[in-house]
């Protein structure tokens, strides 16, 4: 069982920055691919970013490329999402997720087994 606890988020003006964190409880966390997804009102869950176990493989959704950065600190069992140059269309609930099997990265939400509680990010224009 993996518990993911998110922190960060909030309200920011367009062009601003926020950092989300997601801390895991599992000892085997360091071997799992991790991802960030978001869901805006009335929309499906959208892929944001994913990272493999050592940070050597990273992918981003097209809408956030060049603005968001995913990273992880396995010693702290934490994954981060640094969000820069935020836009109103980035407004959504953001979720972190862990993928326990198979151990390769994915941009599909249904490939992830454990999810954080979600955190609201609101970008005002």
N, C-alpha and C. Protein backbone atom coordinates (compact mmCIF):
# COMPACT_ATOMS: atom_id res chain seq x y z
N UNK A 1 0.84 -1.19 0.00
CA UNK A 1 0.00 0.00 0.00
C UNK A 1 0.88 1.24 0.00
N UNK A 2 0.52 2.21 -0.82
CA UNK A 2 1.26 3.46 -0.92
C UNK A 2 0.31 4.60 -0.62
N UNK A 3 0.71 5.43 0.31
CA UNK A 3 -0.07 6.64 0.59
C UNK A 3 0.69 7.84 0.05
N UNK A 4 -0.01 8.68 -0.68
CA UNK A 4 0.59 9.88 -1.28
C UNK A 4 -0.10 11.09 -0.69
N UNK A 5 0.69 11.98 -0.10
CA UNK A 5 0.15 13.18 0.55
C UNK A 5 0.70 14.40 -0.17
N UNK A 6 -0.20 15.18 -0.72
CA UNK A 6 0.18 16.34 -1.51
C UNK A 6 0.19 17.61 -0.67
N UNK A 7 1.01 18.56 -1.09
CA UNK A 7 1.03 19.88 -0.48
C UNK A 7 1.38 20.89 -1.56
N UNK A 8 1.14 22.14 -1.24
CA UNK A 8 1.38 23.20 -2.22
C UNK A 8 0.07 23.60 -2.88
N UNK A 9 0.17 24.30 -3.98
CA UNK A 9 -1.01 24.76 -4.66
C UNK A 9 -1.51 26.07 -4.08
N UNK A 10 -2.66 26.51 -4.59
CA UNK A 10 -3.23 27.75 -4.12
C UNK A 10 -3.60 28.66 -5.26
N UNK A 11 -3.68 29.95 -4.94
CA UNK A 11 -4.08 30.97 -5.91
C UNK A 11 -2.87 31.80 -6.32
N UNK A 12 -2.71 32.00 -7.61
CA UNK A 12 -1.59 32.78 -8.12
C UNK A 12 -2.06 33.55 -9.35
N UNK A 13 -1.42 34.67 -9.60
CA UNK A 13 -1.74 35.45 -10.79
C UNK A 13 -1.06 34.85 -12.02
N UNK A 14 -1.63 35.10 -13.17
CA UNK A 14 -1.03 34.63 -14.42
C UNK A 14 0.41 35.12 -14.52
N UNK A 15 1.28 34.21 -14.97
CA UNK A 15 2.70 34.51 -15.05
C UNK A 15 3.48 34.13 -13.82
N UNK A 16 2.77 33.78 -12.75
CA UNK A 16 3.42 33.42 -11.51
C UNK A 16 3.85 31.97 -11.47
N UNK A 17 4.35 31.57 -10.30
CA UNK A 17 4.88 30.21 -10.13
C UNK A 17 4.32 29.57 -8.86
N UNK A 18 4.24 28.25 -8.90
CA UNK A 18 3.87 27.47 -7.73
C UNK A 18 4.66 26.16 -7.78
N UNK A 19 4.85 25.56 -6.61
CA UNK A 19 5.47 24.25 -6.55
C UNK A 19 4.57 23.31 -5.76
N UNK A 20 4.29 22.18 -6.36
CA UNK A 20 3.54 21.12 -5.69
C UNK A 20 4.50 20.04 -5.22
N UNK A 21 4.16 19.46 -4.08
CA UNK A 21 4.94 18.35 -3.54
C UNK A 21 4.02 17.18 -3.27
N UNK A 22 4.60 16.00 -3.31
CA UNK A 22 3.83 14.78 -3.06
C UNK A 22 4.75 13.80 -2.35
N UNK A 23 4.45 13.53 -1.10
CA UNK A 23 5.28 12.65 -0.28
C UNK A 23 4.63 11.27 -0.17
N UNK A 24 5.47 10.24 -0.30
CA UNK A 24 4.97 8.87 -0.28
C UNK A 24 5.36 8.15 1.01
N UNK A 25 4.55 7.17 1.38
CA UNK A 25 4.78 6.42 2.61
C UNK A 25 5.53 5.12 2.38
N UNK A 26 5.60 4.67 1.14
CA UNK A 26 6.13 3.34 0.86
C UNK A 26 7.66 3.33 0.84
N UNK A 27 8.24 2.24 1.37
CA UNK A 27 9.70 2.08 1.34
C UNK A 27 10.19 1.81 -0.07
N UNK A 28 9.31 1.24 -0.89
CA UNK A 28 9.70 0.89 -2.26
C UNK A 28 9.39 2.01 -3.25
N UNK A 29 9.02 3.16 -2.70
CA UNK A 29 8.67 4.31 -3.53
C UNK A 29 9.73 4.62 -4.57
N UNK A 30 10.99 4.49 -4.20
CA UNK A 30 12.08 4.93 -5.07
C UNK A 30 12.14 4.14 -6.38
N UNK A 31 11.46 3.03 -6.47
CA UNK A 31 11.49 2.23 -7.69
C UNK A 31 10.32 2.53 -8.62
N UNK A 32 9.36 3.32 -8.15
CA UNK A 32 8.13 3.54 -8.92
C UNK A 32 8.21 4.72 -9.87
N UNK A 33 7.70 4.58 -11.07
CA UNK A 33 7.45 5.76 -11.89
C UNK A 33 6.36 6.59 -11.20
N UNK A 34 6.46 7.89 -11.35
CA UNK A 34 5.51 8.80 -10.72
C UNK A 34 4.98 9.76 -11.77
N UNK A 35 3.78 10.24 -11.52
CA UNK A 35 3.19 11.15 -12.48
C UNK A 35 2.38 12.25 -11.81
N UNK A 36 2.14 13.29 -12.59
CA UNK A 36 1.22 14.36 -12.20
C UNK A 36 0.14 14.45 -13.27
N UNK A 37 -1.09 14.57 -12.81
CA UNK A 37 -2.24 14.75 -13.68
C UNK A 37 -3.05 15.92 -13.15
N UNK A 38 -3.95 16.43 -13.96
CA UNK A 38 -4.82 17.50 -13.50
C UNK A 38 -6.21 17.32 -14.09
N UNK A 39 -7.16 17.90 -13.40
CA UNK A 39 -8.55 17.80 -13.84
C UNK A 39 -9.24 19.12 -13.61
N UNK A 40 -9.68 19.72 -14.69
CA UNK A 40 -10.44 20.97 -14.62
C UNK A 40 -11.92 20.62 -14.54
N UNK A 41 -12.73 21.55 -14.04
CA UNK A 41 -14.17 21.28 -13.92
C UNK A 41 -14.79 20.86 -15.25
N UNK A 42 -15.53 19.76 -15.22
CA UNK A 42 -16.22 19.29 -16.40
C UNK A 42 -15.34 18.61 -17.43
N UNK A 43 -14.07 18.38 -17.08
CA UNK A 43 -13.15 17.76 -18.03
C UNK A 43 -12.57 16.48 -17.45
N UNK A 44 -11.97 15.68 -18.32
CA UNK A 44 -11.32 14.46 -17.89
C UNK A 44 -9.96 14.74 -17.28
N UNK A 45 -9.34 13.69 -16.77
CA UNK A 45 -8.02 13.83 -16.14
C UNK A 45 -6.97 13.94 -17.24
N UNK A 46 -6.18 14.98 -17.18
CA UNK A 46 -5.18 15.30 -18.20
C UNK A 46 -3.78 15.00 -17.71
N UNK A 47 -3.00 14.37 -18.53
CA UNK A 47 -1.61 14.08 -18.22
C UNK A 47 -0.79 15.36 -18.17
N UNK A 48 0.02 15.50 -17.13
CA UNK A 48 0.89 16.67 -16.99
C UNK A 48 2.36 16.29 -17.16
N UNK A 49 2.81 15.31 -16.37
CA UNK A 49 4.23 14.93 -16.43
C UNK A 49 4.42 13.57 -15.77
N UNK A 50 5.50 12.90 -16.17
CA UNK A 50 5.86 11.64 -15.55
C UNK A 50 7.37 11.53 -15.47
N UNK A 51 7.84 10.77 -14.48
CA UNK A 51 9.27 10.62 -14.25
C UNK A 51 9.55 9.19 -13.83
N UNK A 52 10.65 8.63 -14.32
CA UNK A 52 10.98 7.27 -13.94
C UNK A 52 11.71 7.26 -12.60
N UNK A 53 12.19 6.10 -12.18
CA UNK A 53 12.67 5.95 -10.81
C UNK A 53 13.88 6.82 -10.47
N UNK A 54 14.73 7.08 -11.46
CA UNK A 54 15.94 7.85 -11.16
C UNK A 54 15.97 9.21 -11.85
N UNK A 55 14.86 9.60 -12.45
CA UNK A 55 14.81 10.90 -13.10
C UNK A 55 15.45 10.92 -14.47
N UNK A 56 15.86 9.76 -14.96
CA UNK A 56 16.51 9.71 -16.26
C UNK A 56 15.55 9.71 -17.44
N UNK A 57 14.30 9.54 -17.16
CA UNK A 57 13.27 9.52 -18.22
C UNK A 57 12.10 10.38 -17.75
N UNK A 58 11.85 11.43 -18.49
CA UNK A 58 10.81 12.40 -18.12
C UNK A 58 10.03 12.78 -19.38
N UNK A 59 8.72 12.89 -19.22
CA UNK A 59 7.86 13.33 -20.31
C UNK A 59 6.86 14.34 -19.77
N UNK A 60 6.45 15.24 -20.66
CA UNK A 60 5.47 16.26 -20.30
C UNK A 60 4.33 16.28 -21.29
N UNK A 61 3.18 16.70 -20.80
CA UNK A 61 2.09 16.97 -21.69
C UNK A 61 2.38 18.20 -22.54
N UNK A 62 1.83 18.25 -23.73
CA UNK A 62 2.14 19.33 -24.66
C UNK A 62 1.79 20.70 -24.08
N UNK A 63 0.74 20.78 -23.29
CA UNK A 63 0.28 22.07 -22.79
C UNK A 63 1.19 22.66 -21.72
N UNK A 64 2.09 21.86 -21.15
CA UNK A 64 2.94 22.36 -20.07
C UNK A 64 4.42 22.33 -20.40
N UNK A 65 4.77 21.80 -21.56
CA UNK A 65 6.18 21.72 -21.93
C UNK A 65 6.84 23.09 -21.91
N UNK A 66 8.03 23.13 -21.32
CA UNK A 66 8.78 24.38 -21.25
C UNK A 66 8.39 25.27 -20.09
N UNK A 67 7.30 24.92 -19.38
CA UNK A 67 6.86 25.75 -18.25
C UNK A 67 6.89 24.98 -16.94
N UNK A 68 6.61 23.70 -16.99
CA UNK A 68 6.57 22.87 -15.78
C UNK A 68 7.78 21.95 -15.74
N UNK A 69 8.22 21.63 -14.52
CA UNK A 69 9.33 20.71 -14.34
C UNK A 69 8.99 19.71 -13.25
N UNK A 70 9.09 18.43 -13.58
CA UNK A 70 8.90 17.37 -12.60
C UNK A 70 10.26 16.92 -12.10
N UNK A 71 10.34 16.63 -10.81
CA UNK A 71 11.58 16.12 -10.24
C UNK A 71 11.22 15.24 -9.04
N UNK A 72 12.20 14.50 -8.57
CA UNK A 72 11.96 13.64 -7.41
C UNK A 72 13.20 13.58 -6.55
N UNK A 73 12.96 13.38 -5.27
CA UNK A 73 14.02 13.19 -4.29
C UNK A 73 13.71 11.89 -3.58
N UNK A 74 14.38 10.82 -3.99
CA UNK A 74 14.06 9.51 -3.42
C UNK A 74 14.45 9.40 -1.95
N UNK A 75 15.43 10.16 -1.54
CA UNK A 75 15.81 10.15 -0.12
C UNK A 75 14.69 10.71 0.75
N UNK A 76 13.89 11.58 0.17
CA UNK A 76 12.75 12.16 0.90
C UNK A 76 11.43 11.55 0.47
N UNK A 77 11.48 10.57 -0.43
CA UNK A 77 10.26 9.94 -0.94
C UNK A 77 9.26 10.97 -1.44
N UNK A 78 9.74 11.94 -2.17
CA UNK A 78 8.91 13.05 -2.59
C UNK A 78 9.11 13.35 -4.07
N UNK A 79 8.02 13.66 -4.73
CA UNK A 79 8.06 14.12 -6.11
C UNK A 79 7.52 15.55 -6.13
N UNK A 80 8.08 16.36 -7.02
CA UNK A 80 7.74 17.77 -7.10
C UNK A 80 7.24 18.13 -8.49
N UNK A 81 6.44 19.17 -8.53
CA UNK A 81 6.06 19.76 -9.81
C UNK A 81 6.24 21.27 -9.68
N UNK A 82 7.27 21.78 -10.33
CA UNK A 82 7.51 23.21 -10.37
C UNK A 82 6.77 23.78 -11.56
N UNK A 83 5.89 24.73 -11.30
CA UNK A 83 5.04 25.30 -12.35
C UNK A 83 5.38 26.78 -12.50
N UNK A 84 5.89 27.14 -13.65
CA UNK A 84 6.25 28.52 -13.94
C UNK A 84 5.38 29.05 -15.08
N UNK A 85 5.38 30.36 -15.22
CA UNK A 85 4.62 31.01 -16.30
C UNK A 85 3.19 30.49 -16.35
N UNK A 86 2.56 30.44 -15.21
CA UNK A 86 1.22 29.87 -15.12
C UNK A 86 0.21 30.69 -15.90
N UNK A 87 -0.76 29.97 -16.46
CA UNK A 87 -1.82 30.58 -17.27
C UNK A 87 -3.17 30.24 -16.64
N UNK A 88 -4.19 31.05 -16.91
CA UNK A 88 -5.52 30.73 -16.36
C UNK A 88 -5.98 29.32 -16.75
N UNK A 89 -5.60 28.85 -17.92
CA UNK A 89 -6.02 27.51 -18.34
C UNK A 89 -5.31 26.40 -17.58
N UNK A 90 -4.35 26.74 -16.74
CA UNK A 90 -3.72 25.74 -15.87
C UNK A 90 -4.56 25.49 -14.62
N UNK A 91 -5.61 26.26 -14.44
CA UNK A 91 -6.47 26.09 -13.28
C UNK A 91 -7.10 24.71 -13.28
N UNK A 92 -6.91 23.97 -12.21
CA UNK A 92 -7.40 22.60 -12.11
C UNK A 92 -7.06 22.04 -10.74
N UNK A 93 -7.58 20.87 -10.47
CA UNK A 93 -7.11 20.09 -9.33
C UNK A 93 -5.97 19.20 -9.84
N UNK A 94 -4.86 19.25 -9.13
CA UNK A 94 -3.68 18.50 -9.54
C UNK A 94 -3.52 17.27 -8.64
N UNK A 95 -3.19 16.15 -9.27
CA UNK A 95 -3.02 14.89 -8.56
C UNK A 95 -1.65 14.29 -8.86
N UNK A 96 -1.00 13.79 -7.83
CA UNK A 96 0.18 12.97 -8.06
C UNK A 96 -0.24 11.51 -8.05
N UNK A 97 0.57 10.67 -8.67
CA UNK A 97 0.21 9.26 -8.78
C UNK A 97 1.47 8.41 -8.84
N UNK A 98 1.34 7.19 -8.34
CA UNK A 98 2.44 6.23 -8.36
C UNK A 98 2.03 4.99 -9.15
N UNK A 99 2.96 4.50 -9.90
CA UNK A 99 2.71 3.34 -10.78
C UNK A 99 3.60 2.21 -10.30
N UNK A 100 2.97 1.16 -9.77
CA UNK A 100 3.76 0.09 -9.15
C UNK A 100 4.10 -1.05 -10.10
N UNK A 101 3.29 -1.25 -11.13
CA UNK A 101 3.58 -2.29 -12.09
C UNK A 101 2.83 -2.03 -13.39
N UNK A 102 3.50 -2.24 -14.55
CA UNK A 102 4.94 -2.45 -14.69
C UNK A 102 5.72 -1.16 -14.42
N UNK A 103 7.01 -1.29 -14.27
CA UNK A 103 7.82 -0.16 -13.80
C UNK A 103 8.37 0.67 -14.95
N UNK A 104 7.49 1.10 -15.84
CA UNK A 104 7.90 2.07 -16.83
C UNK A 104 6.92 3.23 -16.81
N UNK A 105 7.36 4.36 -17.29
CA UNK A 105 6.53 5.56 -17.22
C UNK A 105 5.34 5.46 -18.16
N UNK A 106 4.32 6.24 -17.87
CA UNK A 106 3.12 6.24 -18.68
C UNK A 106 2.43 7.59 -18.59
N UNK A 107 1.75 7.95 -19.67
CA UNK A 107 0.96 9.18 -19.68
C UNK A 107 -0.53 8.88 -19.51
N UNK A 108 -0.86 7.62 -19.25
CA UNK A 108 -2.25 7.22 -19.10
C UNK A 108 -2.61 7.08 -17.63
N UNK A 109 -3.65 7.78 -17.24
CA UNK A 109 -4.03 7.80 -15.83
C UNK A 109 -4.39 6.41 -15.33
N UNK A 110 -5.00 5.59 -16.18
CA UNK A 110 -5.42 4.27 -15.71
C UNK A 110 -4.26 3.32 -15.50
N UNK A 111 -3.05 3.75 -15.82
CA UNK A 111 -1.87 2.94 -15.56
C UNK A 111 -1.31 3.12 -14.16
N UNK A 112 -1.84 4.06 -13.42
CA UNK A 112 -1.34 4.38 -12.09
C UNK A 112 -2.21 3.74 -11.01
N UNK A 113 -1.56 3.28 -9.96
CA UNK A 113 -2.26 2.50 -8.94
C UNK A 113 -2.65 3.29 -7.71
N UNK A 114 -1.87 4.29 -7.38
CA UNK A 114 -2.12 5.06 -6.17
C UNK A 114 -2.13 6.55 -6.50
N UNK A 115 -3.00 7.26 -5.80
CA UNK A 115 -3.21 8.68 -6.09
C UNK A 115 -3.17 9.50 -4.82
N UNK A 116 -2.67 10.73 -4.99
CA UNK A 116 -2.75 11.69 -3.91
C UNK A 116 -4.17 12.23 -3.77
N UNK A 117 -4.36 13.06 -2.75
CA UNK A 117 -5.70 13.55 -2.45
C UNK A 117 -6.13 14.69 -3.37
N UNK A 118 -5.21 15.22 -4.14
CA UNK A 118 -5.53 16.33 -5.03
C UNK A 118 -5.33 17.67 -4.34
N UNK A 119 -4.89 18.65 -5.11
CA UNK A 119 -4.71 20.00 -4.59
C UNK A 119 -5.13 21.01 -5.65
N UNK A 120 -5.84 22.03 -5.21
CA UNK A 120 -6.37 23.01 -6.15
C UNK A 120 -5.29 24.03 -6.52
N UNK A 121 -5.19 24.28 -7.82
CA UNK A 121 -4.36 25.36 -8.34
C UNK A 121 -5.28 26.28 -9.13
N UNK A 122 -5.30 27.54 -8.74
CA UNK A 122 -6.13 28.53 -9.42
C UNK A 122 -5.25 29.66 -9.91
N UNK A 123 -5.33 29.94 -11.21
CA UNK A 123 -4.54 30.99 -11.82
C UNK A 123 -5.49 32.09 -12.29
N UNK A 124 -5.33 33.26 -11.73
CA UNK A 124 -6.20 34.38 -12.09
C UNK A 124 -5.58 35.19 -13.21
N UNK A 125 -6.44 35.76 -14.03
CA UNK A 125 -5.95 36.54 -15.18
C UNK A 125 -5.75 38.00 -14.82
